[in-house]
Amino acid sequence: MKVKNIITRDNRDIGLVIQNMMKQDQEIRCNFSNATGINRDTIRLIMRDLDASNTRKLKRLIERHGWQNTIACGCGNIWTIIQHADHDICFQRRAYKALQRYGADLVQPWQMASLKDRILFNSGKPQKYGTQLIKNRDNKKWQPWRLLNDKKVNDYRDSVDLEPIEQYVTSFNKKHSIK
């Protein structure tokens, strides 16, 4: 469904609120990536609180303005807030369906694939696209969470413009070493 975005003051305000939530989300994750030891644990707690706060704010926007308008005003930023709402899988599921319906022009296929995998991961089910990684404490490397079909995963990834899983995992391990 193509979204008609009518510019009003309310819509600009929605967009600014979501943009601010996204900025805070990315800042705390950057701090977390660069932290060590006790600072990392403290930042992890702050990050969880921020994710919960952002989810509550997004839900209030949706209650007030509806899914269609909130998605249209939030552009691509809304996806990140939904992706990090791990504490509320029911909300992630509803949001995934709403993004399918109203966000086709605003959210990339790889983002939808990543959100689908995140929901499956949070539900303890195998993922389709291999976007969710877990720590292997034995070899100190990141590896994909259980896959639905490890023989077809690269076909699935290719269909949403993601690189082959081997390349993704190698790249992720270079950027995010496990201490």
N, C-alpha and C. Protein backbone atom coordinates (compact mmCIF):
# COMPACT_ATOMS: atom_id res chain seq x y z
N MET A 1 0.84 -1.16 0.00
CA MET A 1 0.00 0.00 0.00
C MET A 1 0.90 1.23 0.00
N LYS A 2 0.74 2.09 -0.95
CA LYS A 2 1.53 3.31 -1.05
C LYS A 2 1.02 4.32 -0.02
N VAL A 3 1.96 4.91 0.68
CA VAL A 3 1.62 5.85 1.73
C VAL A 3 1.60 7.27 1.18
N LYS A 4 0.52 7.97 1.44
CA LYS A 4 0.44 9.39 1.07
C LYS A 4 0.86 10.18 2.29
N ASN A 5 1.92 10.94 2.15
CA ASN A 5 2.44 11.71 3.26
C ASN A 5 2.05 13.18 3.09
N ILE A 6 1.10 13.61 3.88
CA ILE A 6 0.65 14.99 3.85
C ILE A 6 1.41 15.73 4.94
N ILE A 7 2.09 16.81 4.56
CA ILE A 7 2.92 17.54 5.50
C ILE A 7 2.05 18.48 6.33
N THR A 8 2.03 18.21 7.62
CA THR A 8 1.35 19.09 8.58
C THR A 8 2.31 19.31 9.75
N ARG A 9 1.95 20.20 10.63
CA ARG A 9 2.79 20.44 11.81
C ARG A 9 2.88 19.17 12.65
N ASP A 10 1.74 18.47 12.85
CA ASP A 10 1.75 17.22 13.61
C ASP A 10 2.71 16.21 12.99
N ASN A 11 2.67 16.09 11.66
CA ASN A 11 3.53 15.12 10.99
C ASN A 11 5.00 15.47 11.17
N ARG A 12 5.33 16.76 11.08
CA ARG A 12 6.73 17.16 11.30
C ARG A 12 7.14 16.83 12.73
N ASP A 13 6.24 17.07 13.68
CA ASP A 13 6.54 16.78 15.08
C ASP A 13 6.75 15.28 15.29
N ILE A 14 5.93 14.45 14.67
CA ILE A 14 6.10 12.99 14.77
C ILE A 14 7.46 12.61 14.22
N GLY A 15 7.77 13.13 13.07
CA GLY A 15 9.06 12.82 12.46
C GLY A 15 10.23 13.24 13.32
N LEU A 16 10.14 14.40 13.95
CA LEU A 16 11.22 14.89 14.82
C LEU A 16 11.35 14.04 16.08
N VAL A 17 10.24 13.63 16.66
CA VAL A 17 10.28 12.78 17.85
C VAL A 17 10.96 11.46 17.51
N ILE A 18 10.57 10.85 16.40
CA ILE A 18 11.15 9.57 16.00
C ILE A 18 12.63 9.75 15.64
N GLN A 19 12.96 10.85 14.97
CA GLN A 19 14.35 11.11 14.62
C GLN A 19 15.21 11.26 15.89
N ASN A 20 14.68 11.93 16.90
CA ASN A 20 15.39 12.09 18.17
C ASN A 20 15.57 10.74 18.87
N MET A 21 14.53 9.91 18.85
CA MET A 21 14.65 8.58 19.46
C MET A 21 15.74 7.78 18.76
N MET A 22 15.78 7.86 17.44
CA MET A 22 16.78 7.15 16.65
C MET A 22 18.18 7.64 16.99
N LYS A 23 18.33 8.96 17.12
CA LYS A 23 19.64 9.53 17.43
C LYS A 23 20.13 9.02 18.79
N GLN A 24 19.27 9.03 19.80
CA GLN A 24 19.64 8.53 21.12
C GLN A 24 19.97 7.04 21.06
N ASP A 25 19.19 6.29 20.31
CA ASP A 25 19.41 4.85 20.14
C ASP A 25 20.82 4.60 19.59
N GLN A 26 21.18 5.30 18.54
CA GLN A 26 22.47 5.08 17.90
C GLN A 26 23.63 5.57 18.77
N GLU A 27 23.44 6.67 19.49
CA GLU A 27 24.49 7.17 20.38
C GLU A 27 24.81 6.18 21.48
N ILE A 28 23.77 5.61 22.11
CA ILE A 28 24.03 4.67 23.21
C ILE A 28 24.67 3.39 22.68
N ARG A 29 24.29 2.96 21.49
CA ARG A 29 24.90 1.76 20.92
C ARG A 29 26.36 2.00 20.53
N CYS A 30 26.66 3.18 20.08
CA CYS A 30 28.05 3.54 19.78
C CYS A 30 28.87 3.52 21.06
N ASN A 31 28.33 4.11 22.13
CA ASN A 31 29.02 4.10 23.43
C ASN A 31 29.21 2.68 23.93
N PHE A 32 28.20 1.83 23.75
CA PHE A 32 28.28 0.44 24.17
C PHE A 32 29.38 -0.30 23.41
N SER A 33 29.45 -0.08 22.11
CA SER A 33 30.46 -0.76 21.29
C SER A 33 31.87 -0.39 21.71
N ASN A 34 32.05 0.84 22.19
CA ASN A 34 33.38 1.31 22.55
C ASN A 34 33.73 1.11 24.03
N ALA A 35 32.79 0.61 24.82
CA ALA A 35 33.00 0.47 26.26
C ALA A 35 33.61 -0.88 26.61
N THR A 36 34.21 -0.93 27.79
CA THR A 36 34.76 -2.18 28.31
C THR A 36 34.38 -2.32 29.78
N GLY A 37 34.47 -3.53 30.29
CA GLY A 37 34.29 -3.80 31.71
C GLY A 37 32.99 -3.31 32.28
N ILE A 38 33.09 -2.68 33.45
CA ILE A 38 31.91 -2.23 34.19
C ILE A 38 31.15 -1.15 33.42
N ASN A 39 31.87 -0.33 32.67
CA ASN A 39 31.19 0.68 31.85
C ASN A 39 30.25 0.03 30.85
N ARG A 40 30.67 -1.07 30.28
CA ARG A 40 29.85 -1.80 29.31
C ARG A 40 28.56 -2.30 29.98
N ASP A 41 28.69 -2.84 31.19
CA ASP A 41 27.51 -3.33 31.91
C ASP A 41 26.55 -2.18 32.23
N THR A 42 27.10 -1.05 32.64
CA THR A 42 26.27 0.12 32.94
C THR A 42 25.56 0.61 31.69
N ILE A 43 26.30 0.71 30.60
CA ILE A 43 25.70 1.18 29.35
C ILE A 43 24.64 0.20 28.86
N ARG A 44 24.86 -1.11 29.05
CA ARG A 44 23.86 -2.11 28.65
C ARG A 44 22.54 -1.85 29.37
N LEU A 45 22.60 -1.53 30.67
CA LEU A 45 21.38 -1.23 31.43
C LEU A 45 20.71 0.04 30.92
N ILE A 46 21.50 1.05 30.65
CA ILE A 46 20.96 2.31 30.11
C ILE A 46 20.32 2.06 28.75
N MET A 47 20.97 1.22 27.94
CA MET A 47 20.45 0.91 26.60
C MET A 47 19.09 0.20 26.71
N ARG A 48 18.97 -0.74 27.64
CA ARG A 48 17.70 -1.44 27.82
C ARG A 48 16.59 -0.48 28.25
N ASP A 49 16.94 0.43 29.16
CA ASP A 49 15.95 1.43 29.60
C ASP A 49 15.55 2.34 28.45
N LEU A 50 16.52 2.75 27.65
CA LEU A 50 16.23 3.61 26.50
C LEU A 50 15.34 2.87 25.49
N ASP A 51 15.64 1.60 25.22
CA ASP A 51 14.82 0.82 24.30
C ASP A 51 13.37 0.74 24.79
N ALA A 52 13.20 0.51 26.08
CA ALA A 52 11.85 0.44 26.65
C ALA A 52 11.15 1.80 26.56
N SER A 53 11.88 2.86 26.86
CA SER A 53 11.32 4.21 26.78
C SER A 53 10.93 4.56 25.34
N ASN A 54 11.80 4.26 24.40
CA ASN A 54 11.49 4.53 22.99
C ASN A 54 10.28 3.73 22.51
N THR A 55 10.17 2.50 22.98
CA THR A 55 9.01 1.68 22.60
C THR A 55 7.73 2.29 23.14
N ARG A 56 7.76 2.73 24.39
CA ARG A 56 6.57 3.38 24.98
C ARG A 56 6.20 4.64 24.20
N LYS A 57 7.20 5.46 23.86
CA LYS A 57 6.93 6.68 23.09
C LYS A 57 6.34 6.36 21.73
N LEU A 58 6.90 5.36 21.07
CA LEU A 58 6.40 4.98 19.75
C LEU A 58 4.97 4.46 19.84
N LYS A 59 4.67 3.68 20.85
CA LYS A 59 3.31 3.18 21.04
C LYS A 59 2.33 4.34 21.24
N ARG A 60 2.74 5.35 22.01
CA ARG A 60 1.88 6.52 22.22
C ARG A 60 1.64 7.27 20.91
N LEU A 61 2.69 7.41 20.10
CA LEU A 61 2.52 8.06 18.79
C LEU A 61 1.53 7.27 17.93
N ILE A 62 1.66 5.96 17.95
CA ILE A 62 0.78 5.10 17.14
C ILE A 62 -0.66 5.21 17.64
N GLU A 63 -0.85 5.21 18.97
CA GLU A 63 -2.20 5.36 19.53
C GLU A 63 -2.82 6.68 19.10
N ARG A 64 -2.03 7.72 19.10
CA ARG A 64 -2.55 9.06 18.79
C ARG A 64 -2.74 9.29 17.30
N HIS A 65 -1.80 8.78 16.47
CA HIS A 65 -1.79 9.14 15.05
C HIS A 65 -2.03 7.95 14.11
N GLY A 66 -2.08 6.75 14.65
CA GLY A 66 -2.29 5.56 13.82
C GLY A 66 -0.98 5.04 13.22
N TRP A 67 -1.01 3.78 12.83
CA TRP A 67 0.18 3.15 12.25
C TRP A 67 0.61 3.84 10.95
N GLN A 68 -0.34 4.05 10.06
CA GLN A 68 0.00 4.57 8.73
C GLN A 68 0.71 5.92 8.81
N ASN A 69 0.15 6.83 9.56
CA ASN A 69 0.74 8.17 9.66
C ASN A 69 2.07 8.14 10.41
N THR A 70 2.14 7.34 11.47
CA THR A 70 3.39 7.27 12.25
C THR A 70 4.51 6.68 11.40
N ILE A 71 4.22 5.63 10.64
CA ILE A 71 5.22 5.03 9.77
C ILE A 71 5.66 6.02 8.69
N ALA A 72 4.69 6.69 8.09
CA ALA A 72 5.01 7.66 7.03
C ALA A 72 5.89 8.79 7.56
N CYS A 73 5.59 9.28 8.75
CA CYS A 73 6.35 10.39 9.32
C CYS A 73 7.70 9.94 9.86
N GLY A 74 7.78 8.69 10.27
CA GLY A 74 9.01 8.19 10.86
C GLY A 74 10.03 7.72 9.84
N CYS A 75 9.60 7.67 8.57
CA CYS A 75 10.48 7.22 7.48
C CYS A 75 11.22 5.96 7.90
N GLY A 76 12.46 5.86 7.54
CA GLY A 76 13.24 4.67 7.86
C GLY A 76 13.66 4.58 9.32
N ASN A 77 13.59 5.69 10.05
CA ASN A 77 14.02 5.70 11.45
C ASN A 77 13.17 4.80 12.34
N ILE A 78 11.93 4.65 12.00
CA ILE A 78 11.01 3.89 12.84
C ILE A 78 11.44 2.42 12.94
N TRP A 79 12.05 1.92 11.88
CA TRP A 79 12.48 0.52 11.85
C TRP A 79 13.47 0.22 12.98
N THR A 80 14.40 1.12 13.22
CA THR A 80 15.43 0.89 14.25
C THR A 80 14.79 0.79 15.63
N ILE A 81 13.83 1.65 15.90
CA ILE A 81 13.16 1.62 17.21
C ILE A 81 12.42 0.29 17.38
N ILE A 82 11.75 -0.16 16.35
CA ILE A 82 11.03 -1.44 16.40
C ILE A 82 12.02 -2.59 16.54
N GLN A 83 13.10 -2.55 15.80
CA GLN A 83 14.12 -3.61 15.84
C GLN A 83 14.68 -3.78 17.25
N HIS A 84 14.80 -2.71 17.99
CA HIS A 84 15.39 -2.77 19.32
C HIS A 84 14.35 -2.91 20.44
N ALA A 85 13.11 -3.19 20.10
CA ALA A 85 12.05 -3.40 21.10
C ALA A 85 12.00 -4.88 21.50
N ASP A 86 13.17 -5.45 21.77
CA ASP A 86 13.27 -6.88 22.08
C ASP A 86 12.47 -7.30 23.32
N HIS A 87 12.25 -6.39 24.22
CA HIS A 87 11.50 -6.67 25.44
C HIS A 87 10.00 -6.83 25.17
N ASP A 88 9.54 -6.50 23.96
CA ASP A 88 8.11 -6.53 23.64
C ASP A 88 7.90 -7.20 22.27
N ILE A 89 7.99 -8.53 22.26
CA ILE A 89 7.90 -9.28 21.01
C ILE A 89 6.53 -9.11 20.36
N CYS A 90 5.49 -9.02 21.17
CA CYS A 90 4.14 -8.81 20.62
C CYS A 90 4.09 -7.51 19.82
N PHE A 91 4.70 -6.46 20.36
CA PHE A 91 4.75 -5.19 19.64
C PHE A 91 5.56 -5.34 18.36
N GLN A 92 6.70 -6.03 18.43
CA GLN A 92 7.51 -6.23 17.22
C GLN A 92 6.70 -6.95 16.14
N ARG A 93 5.92 -7.94 16.53
CA ARG A 93 5.09 -8.67 15.55
C ARG A 93 4.05 -7.75 14.91
N ARG A 94 3.36 -6.96 15.74
CA ARG A 94 2.36 -6.02 15.21
C ARG A 94 3.02 -5.00 14.29
N ALA A 95 4.17 -4.52 14.71
CA ALA A 95 4.89 -3.52 13.93
C ALA A 95 5.36 -4.10 12.60
N TYR A 96 5.80 -5.34 12.60
CA TYR A 96 6.23 -6.00 11.36
C TYR A 96 5.07 -6.02 10.36
N LYS A 97 3.90 -6.41 10.84
CA LYS A 97 2.72 -6.45 9.96
C LYS A 97 2.34 -5.05 9.46
N ALA A 98 2.44 -4.08 10.35
CA ALA A 98 2.12 -2.70 9.94
C ALA A 98 3.13 -2.18 8.92
N LEU A 99 4.41 -2.50 9.11
CA LEU A 99 5.43 -2.09 8.14
C LEU A 99 5.19 -2.75 6.79
N GLN A 100 4.78 -4.01 6.80
CA GLN A 100 4.44 -4.69 5.54
C GLN A 100 3.32 -3.95 4.83
N ARG A 101 2.34 -3.52 5.60
CA ARG A 101 1.16 -2.88 5.02
C ARG A 101 1.40 -1.44 4.59
N TYR A 102 2.08 -0.67 5.46
CA TYR A 102 2.19 0.77 5.22
C TYR A 102 3.59 1.26 4.88
N GLY A 103 4.60 0.44 5.06
CA GLY A 103 5.96 0.93 4.92
C GLY A 103 6.73 0.43 3.73
N ALA A 104 6.05 -0.17 2.75
CA ALA A 104 6.74 -0.76 1.61
C ALA A 104 7.64 0.23 0.88
N ASP A 105 7.25 1.49 0.83
CA ASP A 105 8.05 2.52 0.15
C ASP A 105 9.13 3.11 1.05
N LEU A 106 9.08 2.81 2.33
CA LEU A 106 9.97 3.48 3.29
C LEU A 106 11.01 2.55 3.93
N VAL A 107 10.71 1.27 3.97
CA VAL A 107 11.58 0.31 4.63
C VAL A 107 12.14 -0.65 3.59
N GLN A 108 13.44 -0.85 3.63
CA GLN A 108 14.12 -1.70 2.65
C GLN A 108 13.82 -3.18 2.91
N PRO A 109 13.87 -4.02 1.88
CA PRO A 109 13.63 -5.45 2.07
C PRO A 109 14.58 -6.08 3.10
N TRP A 110 15.85 -5.66 3.11
CA TRP A 110 16.80 -6.22 4.08
C TRP A 110 16.39 -5.86 5.51
N GLN A 111 15.77 -4.69 5.69
CA GLN A 111 15.33 -4.30 7.02
C GLN A 111 14.17 -5.19 7.48
N MET A 112 13.26 -5.46 6.56
CA MET A 112 12.15 -6.36 6.90
C MET A 112 12.66 -7.76 7.22
N ALA A 113 13.65 -8.22 6.45
CA ALA A 113 14.24 -9.54 6.71
C ALA A 113 14.89 -9.57 8.09
N SER A 114 15.61 -8.51 8.41
CA SER A 114 16.28 -8.44 9.71
C SER A 114 15.28 -8.42 10.86
N LEU A 115 14.19 -7.68 10.68
CA LEU A 115 13.16 -7.63 11.72
C LEU A 115 12.48 -8.98 11.86
N LYS A 116 12.20 -9.64 10.74
CA LYS A 116 11.60 -10.98 10.80
C LYS A 116 12.51 -11.94 11.58
N ASP A 117 13.81 -11.91 11.26
CA ASP A 117 14.77 -12.76 11.98
C ASP A 117 14.82 -12.40 13.45
N ARG A 118 14.77 -11.12 13.77
CA ARG A 118 14.84 -10.68 15.16
C ARG A 118 13.64 -11.22 15.95
N ILE A 119 12.47 -11.19 15.34
CA ILE A 119 11.27 -11.71 15.99
C ILE A 119 11.40 -13.22 16.20
N LEU A 120 11.88 -13.91 15.18
CA LEU A 120 12.08 -15.36 15.31
C LEU A 120 13.10 -15.66 16.41
N PHE A 121 14.21 -14.92 16.43
CA PHE A 121 15.24 -15.08 17.45
C PHE A 121 14.64 -14.85 18.85
N ASN A 122 13.91 -13.76 19.01
CA ASN A 122 13.31 -13.44 20.31
C ASN A 122 12.26 -14.46 20.73
N SER A 123 11.73 -15.21 19.76
CA SER A 123 10.75 -16.26 20.04
C SER A 123 11.40 -17.63 20.20
N GLY A 124 12.74 -17.68 20.07
CA GLY A 124 13.46 -18.94 20.20
C GLY A 124 13.34 -19.85 18.99
N LYS A 125 12.96 -19.28 17.85
CA LYS A 125 12.77 -20.07 16.63
C LYS A 125 13.92 -19.82 15.66
N PRO A 126 14.18 -20.78 14.76
CA PRO A 126 15.24 -20.58 13.76
C PRO A 126 14.92 -19.39 12.84
N GLN A 127 15.96 -18.68 12.46
CA GLN A 127 15.81 -17.52 11.59
C GLN A 127 15.97 -17.91 10.12
N LYS A 128 15.41 -17.10 9.26
CA LYS A 128 15.44 -17.39 7.82
C LYS A 128 16.66 -16.79 7.12
N TYR A 129 16.98 -15.53 7.44
CA TYR A 129 18.00 -14.79 6.68
C TYR A 129 19.39 -14.75 7.32
N GLY A 130 19.50 -15.22 8.53
CA GLY A 130 20.79 -15.26 9.20
C GLY A 130 21.33 -13.90 9.61
N THR A 131 20.44 -12.98 9.96
CA THR A 131 20.88 -11.64 10.34
C THR A 131 21.21 -11.51 11.82
N GLN A 132 20.75 -12.45 12.63
CA GLN A 132 20.96 -12.37 14.07
C GLN A 132 22.11 -13.29 14.48
N LEU A 133 23.10 -12.70 15.12
CA LEU A 133 24.29 -13.43 15.51
C LEU A 133 24.35 -13.57 17.03
N ILE A 134 25.02 -14.64 17.46
CA ILE A 134 25.24 -14.88 18.89
C ILE A 134 26.72 -15.10 19.13
N LYS A 135 27.14 -14.93 20.37
CA LYS A 135 28.54 -15.12 20.74
C LYS A 135 28.83 -16.59 20.95
N ASN A 136 29.92 -17.06 20.37
CA ASN A 136 30.45 -18.38 20.66
C ASN A 136 31.60 -18.17 21.64
N ARG A 137 31.37 -18.47 22.90
CA ARG A 137 32.36 -18.21 23.96
C ARG A 137 33.61 -19.07 23.79
N ASP A 138 33.47 -20.24 23.15
CA ASP A 138 34.63 -21.13 23.00
C ASP A 138 35.66 -20.55 22.05
N ASN A 139 35.22 -20.11 20.87
CA ASN A 139 36.19 -19.60 19.89
C ASN A 139 36.21 -18.06 19.83
N LYS A 140 35.42 -17.41 20.73
CA LYS A 140 35.38 -15.94 20.80
C LYS A 140 35.00 -15.30 19.46
N LYS A 141 34.06 -15.91 18.76
CA LYS A 141 33.58 -15.40 17.47
C LYS A 141 32.06 -15.30 17.51
N TRP A 142 31.56 -14.41 16.65
CA TRP A 142 30.12 -14.32 16.44
C TRP A 142 29.73 -15.36 15.41
N GLN A 143 28.55 -15.93 15.58
CA GLN A 143 28.04 -16.92 14.63
C GLN A 143 26.53 -16.74 14.51
N PRO A 144 25.95 -17.19 13.42
CA PRO A 144 24.49 -17.03 13.24
C PRO A 144 23.71 -17.86 14.28
N TRP A 145 22.64 -17.25 14.74
CA TRP A 145 21.65 -18.00 15.53
C TRP A 145 21.12 -19.10 14.62
N ARG A 146 20.48 -20.10 15.19
CA ARG A 146 19.96 -21.23 14.40
C ARG A 146 19.28 -20.76 13.12
N LEU A 147 19.54 -21.49 12.05
CA LEU A 147 18.98 -21.15 10.73
C LEU A 147 17.85 -22.10 10.37
N LEU A 148 16.86 -21.56 9.71
CA LEU A 148 15.74 -22.35 9.20
C LEU A 148 16.24 -23.36 8.17
N ASN A 149 17.11 -22.88 7.27
CA ASN A 149 17.64 -23.75 6.21
C ASN A 149 19.04 -23.25 5.83
N ASP A 150 20.06 -23.89 6.38
CA ASP A 150 21.42 -23.39 6.13
C ASP A 150 21.87 -23.58 4.69
N LYS A 151 21.22 -24.45 3.95
CA LYS A 151 21.57 -24.64 2.54
C LYS A 151 20.98 -23.55 1.64
N LYS A 152 19.87 -22.95 2.07
CA LYS A 152 19.20 -21.93 1.27
C LYS A 152 19.38 -20.51 1.82
N VAL A 153 20.08 -20.37 2.93
CA VAL A 153 20.17 -19.06 3.58
C VAL A 153 20.73 -17.99 2.64
N ASN A 154 21.71 -18.33 1.82
CA ASN A 154 22.27 -17.31 0.92
C ASN A 154 21.30 -16.96 -0.20
N ASP A 155 20.45 -17.89 -0.60
CA ASP A 155 19.39 -17.56 -1.57
C ASP A 155 18.40 -16.58 -0.95
N TYR A 156 18.01 -16.85 0.31
CA TYR A 156 17.10 -15.95 1.01
C TYR A 156 17.73 -14.56 1.15
N ARG A 157 19.00 -14.54 1.54
CA ARG A 157 19.71 -13.27 1.73
C ARG A 157 19.80 -12.50 0.42
N ASP A 158 20.12 -13.19 -0.64
CA ASP A 158 20.24 -12.55 -1.95
C ASP A 158 18.91 -11.91 -2.38
N SER A 159 17.81 -12.55 -2.02
CA SER A 159 16.49 -12.04 -2.42
C SER A 159 16.15 -10.70 -1.77
N VAL A 160 16.87 -10.34 -0.69
CA VAL A 160 16.63 -9.06 -0.02
C VAL A 160 17.90 -8.19 -0.02
N ASP A 161 18.76 -8.48 -0.97
CA ASP A 161 19.99 -7.68 -1.17
C ASP A 161 20.95 -7.70 0.02
N LEU A 162 21.06 -8.83 0.68
CA LEU A 162 22.07 -9.00 1.73
C LEU A 162 23.24 -9.82 1.17
N GLU A 163 24.44 -9.52 1.65
CA GLU A 163 25.62 -10.26 1.21
C GLU A 163 25.54 -11.71 1.69
N PRO A 164 26.34 -12.61 1.13
CA PRO A 164 26.37 -14.00 1.60
C PRO A 164 26.67 -14.06 3.10
N ILE A 165 26.12 -15.03 3.75
CA ILE A 165 26.24 -15.11 5.21
C ILE A 165 27.68 -15.23 5.67
N GLU A 166 28.50 -15.94 4.91
CA GLU A 166 29.91 -16.09 5.29
C GLU A 166 30.62 -14.73 5.32
N GLN A 167 30.32 -13.92 4.33
CA GLN A 167 30.90 -12.58 4.25
C GLN A 167 30.40 -11.70 5.40
N TYR A 168 29.12 -11.79 5.69
CA TYR A 168 28.51 -11.02 6.78
C TYR A 168 29.15 -11.37 8.12
N VAL A 169 29.28 -12.67 8.40
CA VAL A 169 29.83 -13.11 9.68
C VAL A 169 31.30 -12.69 9.80
N THR A 170 32.05 -12.86 8.74
CA THR A 170 33.47 -12.46 8.76
C THR A 170 33.60 -10.96 9.02
N SER A 171 32.82 -10.17 8.32
CA SER A 171 32.85 -8.72 8.49
C SER A 171 32.44 -8.32 9.90
N PHE A 172 31.39 -8.94 10.41
CA PHE A 172 30.90 -8.62 11.75
C PHE A 172 31.96 -8.95 12.79
N ASN A 173 32.62 -10.09 12.64
CA ASN A 173 33.66 -10.48 13.59
C ASN A 173 34.85 -9.52 13.56
N LYS A 174 35.16 -8.96 12.41
CA LYS A 174 36.25 -7.98 12.33
C LYS A 174 35.89 -6.69 13.06
N LYS A 175 34.63 -6.28 12.93
CA LYS A 175 34.20 -5.01 13.53
C LYS A 175 33.88 -5.14 15.02
N HIS A 176 33.42 -6.31 15.44
CA HIS A 176 32.91 -6.48 16.81
C HIS A 176 33.57 -7.68 17.49
N SER A 177 34.82 -7.54 17.83
CA SER A 177 35.50 -8.68 18.47
C SER A 177 34.95 -8.91 19.87
N ILE A 178 34.91 -10.17 20.27
CA ILE A 178 34.42 -10.54 21.59
C ILE A 178 35.60 -10.53 22.55
N LYS A 179 35.42 -9.83 23.65
CA LYS A 179 36.50 -9.72 24.64
C LYS A 179 36.34 -10.75 25.72
